[in-house]
Amino acid sequence: MSGEDSTRLARARIEFREAEGISERELARRTWLSEATIRTFERGRGDLPTPTVARTFEELLGWAPGSIKTAPSEAMGRDASADSAVDLE
């Protein structure tokens, strides 16, 4: 994500909050994200959100799915079968 993309996304979220008249706390509650996450991405520092955070922002802003570049998820590198295995003994 370029600095320009990050700034555009940050501006869009801030404009959304202002239009709705809501705080970072309320936005965090509505999106199930932390206030720290909201602040991080409203600063527009060029950080890439995880896929889950990106999809949440796309839904919130009414942007097309996949329009926000994402950072690789840590979970994507793990063996899914190990995560879902349950020891019944």
C-alpha atoms as a PDB file:
ATOM      1  CA  MET A   1       0.000   0.000   0.000  1.00  0.00           C
ATOM      2  CA  SER A   2       1.477   3.279  -0.958  1.00  0.00           C
ATOM      3  CA  GLY A   3       1.489   6.227   1.378  1.00  0.00           C
ATOM      4  CA  GLU A   4      -1.132   7.825  -0.862  1.00  0.00           C
ATOM      5  CA  ASP A   5      -3.434   4.768  -0.558  1.00  0.00           C
ATOM      6  CA  SER A   6      -2.974   4.714   3.199  1.00  0.00           C
ATOM      7  CA  THR A   7      -3.766   8.428   3.465  1.00  0.00           C
ATOM      8  CA  ARG A   8      -6.863   8.033   1.275  1.00  0.00           C
ATOM      9  CA  LEU A   9      -8.134   5.168   3.417  1.00  0.00           C
ATOM     10  CA  ALA A  10      -7.426   7.039   6.657  1.00  0.00           C
ATOM     11  CA  ARG A  11      -9.232  10.115   5.346  1.00  0.00           C
ATOM     12  CA  ALA A  12     -12.228   7.994   4.285  1.00  0.00           C
ATOM     13  CA  ARG A  13     -12.577   6.477   7.758  1.00  0.00           C
ATOM     14  CA  ILE A  14     -12.268   9.853   9.466  1.00  0.00           C
ATOM     15  CA  GLU A  15     -14.846  11.362   7.102  1.00  0.00           C
ATOM     16  CA  PHE A  16     -17.159   8.421   7.813  1.00  0.00           C
ATOM     17  CA  ARG A  17     -16.839   8.950  11.570  1.00  0.00           C
ATOM     18  CA  GLU A  18     -17.456  12.684  11.220  1.00  0.00           C
ATOM     19  CA  ALA A  19     -20.483  12.155   8.966  1.00  0.00           C
ATOM     20  CA  GLU A  20     -21.934   9.664  11.439  1.00  0.00           C
ATOM     21  CA  GLY A  21     -20.974  11.852  14.403  1.00  0.00           C
ATOM     22  CA  ILE A  22     -19.271   8.940  16.157  1.00  0.00           C
ATOM     23  CA  SER A  23     -16.078   8.529  18.142  1.00  0.00           C
ATOM     24  CA  GLU A  24     -13.228   6.088  17.646  1.00  0.00           C
ATOM     25  CA  ARG A  25     -14.746   4.086  20.498  1.00  0.00           C
ATOM     26  CA  GLU A  26     -18.138   3.852  18.757  1.00  0.00           C
ATOM     27  CA  LEU A  27     -16.519   2.918  15.451  1.00  0.00           C
ATOM     28  CA  ALA A  28     -14.549   0.215  17.240  1.00  0.00           C
ATOM     29  CA  ARG A  29     -17.748  -1.106  18.817  1.00  0.00           C
ATOM     30  CA  ARG A  30     -19.602  -1.140  15.482  1.00  0.00           C
ATOM     31  CA  THR A  31     -16.803  -2.930  13.648  1.00  0.00           C
ATOM     32  CA  TRP A  32     -15.654  -5.242  16.468  1.00  0.00           C
ATOM     33  CA  LEU A  33     -12.150  -3.798  16.084  1.00  0.00           C
ATOM     34  CA  SER A  34     -10.089  -2.299  18.889  1.00  0.00           C
ATOM     35  CA  GLU A  35      -9.729   1.439  19.344  1.00  0.00           C
ATOM     36  CA  ALA A  36      -5.973   0.938  18.885  1.00  0.00           C
ATOM     37  CA  THR A  37      -6.633  -0.634  15.476  1.00  0.00           C
ATOM     38  CA  ILE A  38      -8.869   2.272  14.470  1.00  0.00           C
ATOM     39  CA  ARG A  39      -6.231   4.813  15.583  1.00  0.00           C
ATOM     40  CA  THR A  40      -3.417   2.925  13.829  1.00  0.00           C
ATOM     41  CA  PHE A  41      -5.163   3.002  10.480  1.00  0.00           C
ATOM     42  CA  GLU A  42      -6.590   6.508  10.829  1.00  0.00           C
ATOM     43  CA  ARG A  43      -3.035   7.821  11.120  1.00  0.00           C
ATOM     44  CA  GLY A  44      -2.385   6.669   7.547  1.00  0.00           C
ATOM     45  CA  ARG A  45       1.198   5.559   8.198  1.00  0.00           C
ATOM     46  CA  GLY A  46       1.193   3.068   5.352  1.00  0.00           C
ATOM     47  CA  ASP A  47       0.559   0.021   7.553  1.00  0.00           C
ATOM     48  CA  LEU A  48      -1.227  -2.790   5.737  1.00  0.00           C
ATOM     49  CA  PRO A  49      -4.270  -4.165   7.547  1.00  0.00           C
ATOM     50  CA  THR A  50      -4.848  -7.887   7.943  1.00  0.00           C
ATOM     51  CA  PRO A  51      -7.405  -9.358   5.528  1.00  0.00           C
ATOM     52  CA  THR A  52     -10.083  -9.373   8.248  1.00  0.00           C
ATOM     53  CA  VAL A  53      -9.536  -5.703   9.132  1.00  0.00           C
ATOM     54  CA  ALA A  54      -9.441  -4.736   5.441  1.00  0.00           C
ATOM     55  CA  ARG A  55     -12.772  -6.501   4.758  1.00  0.00           C
ATOM     56  CA  THR A  56     -14.314  -4.765   7.778  1.00  0.00           C
ATOM     57  CA  PHE A  57     -13.210  -1.356   6.489  1.00  0.00           C
ATOM     58  CA  GLU A  58     -14.423  -2.151   2.950  1.00  0.00           C
ATOM     59  CA  GLU A  59     -17.867  -3.091   4.273  1.00  0.00           C
ATOM     60  CA  LEU A  60     -17.995  -0.026   6.501  1.00  0.00           C
ATOM     61  CA  LEU A  61     -17.025   2.364   3.705  1.00  0.00           C
ATOM     62  CA  GLY A  62     -19.014   0.603   0.979  1.00  0.00           C
ATOM     63  CA  TRP A  63     -15.882  -0.145  -1.042  1.00  0.00           C
ATOM     64  CA  ALA A  64     -15.557  -3.149  -3.332  1.00  0.00           C
ATOM     65  CA  PRO A  65     -14.181  -6.346  -1.752  1.00  0.00           C
ATOM     66  CA  GLY A  66     -10.445  -6.595  -2.339  1.00  0.00           C
ATOM     67  CA  SER A  67      -9.993  -2.856  -2.893  1.00  0.00           C
ATOM     68  CA  ILE A  68      -7.747  -2.547   0.173  1.00  0.00           C
ATOM     69  CA  LYS A  69      -4.342  -4.201  -0.027  1.00  0.00           C
ATOM     70  CA  THR A  70      -3.607  -6.440   2.940  1.00  0.00           C
ATOM     71  CA  ALA A  71      -0.686  -7.789   4.947  1.00  0.00           C
ATOM     72  CA  PRO A  72      -0.191 -11.539   4.948  1.00  0.00           C
ATOM     73  CA  SER A  73      -2.076 -13.126   7.809  1.00  0.00           C
ATOM     74  CA  GLU A  74      -0.016 -15.088  10.330  1.00  0.00           C
ATOM     75  CA  ALA A  75      -2.712 -17.744  10.329  1.00  0.00           C
ATOM     76  CA  MET A  76      -2.272 -18.312   6.606  1.00  0.00           C
ATOM     77  CA  GLY A  77       1.153 -19.828   7.188  1.00  0.00           C
ATOM     78  CA  ARG A  78       0.015 -22.320   9.803  1.00  0.00           C
ATOM     79  CA  ASP A  79      -1.263 -25.825   9.184  1.00  0.00           C
ATOM     80  CA  ALA A  80      -5.068 -25.562   9.313  1.00  0.00           C
ATOM     81  CA  SER A  81      -5.452 -29.188  10.360  1.00  0.00           C
ATOM     82  CA  ALA A  82      -3.321 -28.549  13.464  1.00  0.00           C
ATOM     83  CA  ASP A  83      -5.596 -25.656  14.439  1.00  0.00           C
ATOM     84  CA  SER A  84      -8.750 -27.712  14.088  1.00  0.00           C
ATOM     85  CA  ALA A  85      -7.493 -30.929  15.660  1.00  0.00           C
ATOM     86  CA  VAL A  86      -9.235 -31.819  18.892  1.00  0.00           C
ATOM     87  CA  ASP A  87      -7.904 -34.340  21.363  1.00  0.00           C
ATOM     88  CA  LEU A  88     -10.934 -36.219  22.669  1.00  0.00           C
ATOM     89  CA  GLU A  89      -9.020 -38.324  25.187  1.00  0.00           C
END
